[in-house]
Amino acid sequence: MTSKAQMGRPTIFTDDLAAAFCERIANGRSLRDVCSDEDMPSTTTINAWCKDYPDFSAQYDRDRKSTRLNSSH
């Protein structure tokens, strides 16, 4: 059986790209804003990564939450 990750287009996911994305989120930028950068994937791709890469999803959640906490002070 073909796994979900093998169907469709190949992923552009790399640890470096994921780290660069999460760093921008941690610096207070929104998902839409970061994804509008030419070197970043689309919001659809980020949502797919959250489903397919649990470590990325956890890091993204931590960075979003820390940004919200920092902006509320």
C-alpha atoms as a PDB file:
ATOM      1  CA  MET A   1       0.000   0.000   0.000  1.00  0.00           C
ATOM      2  CA  THR A   2       1.280   3.466  -0.831  1.00  0.00           C
ATOM      3  CA  SER A   3       1.596   5.763   2.163  1.00  0.00           C
ATOM      4  CA  LYS A   4       0.051   9.214   2.160  1.00  0.00           C
ATOM      5  CA  ALA A   5       3.500  10.835   2.113  1.00  0.00           C
ATOM      6  CA  GLN A   6       4.359   9.069  -1.151  1.00  0.00           C
ATOM      7  CA  MET A   7       1.263  10.191  -3.064  1.00  0.00           C
ATOM      8  CA  GLY A   8       1.089  13.450  -4.992  1.00  0.00           C
ATOM      9  CA  ARG A   9       3.911  15.931  -5.195  1.00  0.00           C
ATOM     10  CA  PRO A  10       7.115  15.275  -3.303  1.00  0.00           C
ATOM     11  CA  THR A  11       7.431  17.306  -0.118  1.00  0.00           C
ATOM     12  CA  ILE A  12       9.737  20.288   0.112  1.00  0.00           C
ATOM     13  CA  PHE A  13      10.118  19.698   3.854  1.00  0.00           C
ATOM     14  CA  THR A  14      13.630  19.993   5.236  1.00  0.00           C
ATOM     15  CA  ASP A  15      14.752  20.542   8.800  1.00  0.00           C
ATOM     16  CA  ASP A  16      16.409  23.810   7.748  1.00  0.00           C
ATOM     17  CA  LEU A  17      13.288  25.178   6.064  1.00  0.00           C
ATOM     18  CA  ALA A  18      11.122  24.143   9.010  1.00  0.00           C
ATOM     19  CA  ALA A  19      13.538  25.814  11.449  1.00  0.00           C
ATOM     20  CA  ALA A  20      13.579  29.027   9.393  1.00  0.00           C
ATOM     21  CA  PHE A  21       9.781  29.059   9.311  1.00  0.00           C
ATOM     22  CA  CYS A  22       9.475  28.470  13.063  1.00  0.00           C
ATOM     23  CA  GLU A  23      12.055  31.152  13.817  1.00  0.00           C
ATOM     24  CA  ARG A  24       9.962  33.712  11.935  1.00  0.00           C
ATOM     25  CA  ILE A  25       6.856  32.619  13.839  1.00  0.00           C
ATOM     26  CA  ALA A  26       8.781  32.852  17.136  1.00  0.00           C
ATOM     27  CA  ASN A  27       9.773  36.402  16.191  1.00  0.00           C
ATOM     28  CA  GLY A  28       6.100  37.381  16.219  1.00  0.00           C
ATOM     29  CA  ARG A  29       5.078  37.060  12.597  1.00  0.00           C
ATOM     30  CA  SER A  30       1.778  35.492  11.576  1.00  0.00           C
ATOM     31  CA  LEU A  31       1.395  32.339   9.516  1.00  0.00           C
ATOM     32  CA  ARG A  32       0.027  34.286   6.565  1.00  0.00           C
ATOM     33  CA  ASP A  33       2.818  36.862   6.777  1.00  0.00           C
ATOM     34  CA  VAL A  34       5.606  34.261   6.888  1.00  0.00           C
ATOM     35  CA  CYS A  35       4.042  32.237   4.073  1.00  0.00           C
ATOM     36  CA  SER A  36       3.959  35.344   1.885  1.00  0.00           C
ATOM     37  CA  ASP A  37       7.777  35.355   1.898  1.00  0.00           C
ATOM     38  CA  GLU A  38       9.167  34.117  -1.396  1.00  0.00           C
ATOM     39  CA  ASP A  39      11.373  31.508   0.270  1.00  0.00           C
ATOM     40  CA  MET A  40       8.603  30.016   2.421  1.00  0.00           C
ATOM     41  CA  PRO A  41       5.940  27.415   1.610  1.00  0.00           C
ATOM     42  CA  SER A  42       2.234  28.189   1.405  1.00  0.00           C
ATOM     43  CA  THR A  43      -0.163  28.024   4.329  1.00  0.00           C
ATOM     44  CA  THR A  44      -1.608  24.832   2.811  1.00  0.00           C
ATOM     45  CA  THR A  45       1.839  23.239   2.879  1.00  0.00           C
ATOM     46  CA  ILE A  46       2.438  24.300   6.484  1.00  0.00           C
ATOM     47  CA  ASN A  47      -0.904  22.778   7.503  1.00  0.00           C
ATOM     48  CA  ALA A  48       0.047  19.543   5.731  1.00  0.00           C
ATOM     49  CA  TRP A  49       3.425  19.527   7.490  1.00  0.00           C
ATOM     50  CA  CYS A  50       1.636  19.847  10.834  1.00  0.00           C
ATOM     51  CA  LYS A  51      -0.242  16.651  10.027  1.00  0.00           C
ATOM     52  CA  ASP A  52       2.704  14.766   8.534  1.00  0.00           C
ATOM     53  CA  TYR A  53       5.570  15.852  10.815  1.00  0.00           C
ATOM     54  CA  PRO A  54       4.694  15.681  14.530  1.00  0.00           C
ATOM     55  CA  ASP A  55       7.997  17.249  15.650  1.00  0.00           C
ATOM     56  CA  PHE A  56       7.437  20.214  13.342  1.00  0.00           C
ATOM     57  CA  SER A  57       3.855  20.564  14.559  1.00  0.00           C
ATOM     58  CA  ALA A  58       4.998  20.606  18.189  1.00  0.00           C
ATOM     59  CA  GLN A  59       7.677  23.229  17.502  1.00  0.00           C
ATOM     60  CA  TYR A  60       5.237  25.400  15.548  1.00  0.00           C
ATOM     61  CA  ASP A  61       2.718  25.211  18.407  1.00  0.00           C
ATOM     62  CA  ARG A  62       5.392  26.146  20.979  1.00  0.00           C
ATOM     63  CA  ASP A  63       6.544  29.110  18.898  1.00  0.00           C
ATOM     64  CA  ARG A  64       2.994  30.373  18.323  1.00  0.00           C
ATOM     65  CA  LYS A  65       2.169  30.088  22.013  1.00  0.00           C
ATOM     66  CA  SER A  66       5.365  31.822  23.135  1.00  0.00           C
ATOM     67  CA  THR A  67       4.652  34.650  20.707  1.00  0.00           C
ATOM     68  CA  ARG A  68       1.156  35.079  22.145  1.00  0.00           C
ATOM     69  CA  LEU A  69       2.485  35.041  25.693  1.00  0.00           C
ATOM     70  CA  ASN A  70       5.210  37.583  24.904  1.00  0.00           C
ATOM     71  CA  SER A  71       2.823  39.925  23.102  1.00  0.00           C
ATOM     72  CA  SER A  72       0.374  39.950  26.007  1.00  0.00           C
ATOM     73  CA  HIS A  73       2.957  41.486  28.392  1.00  0.00           C
END
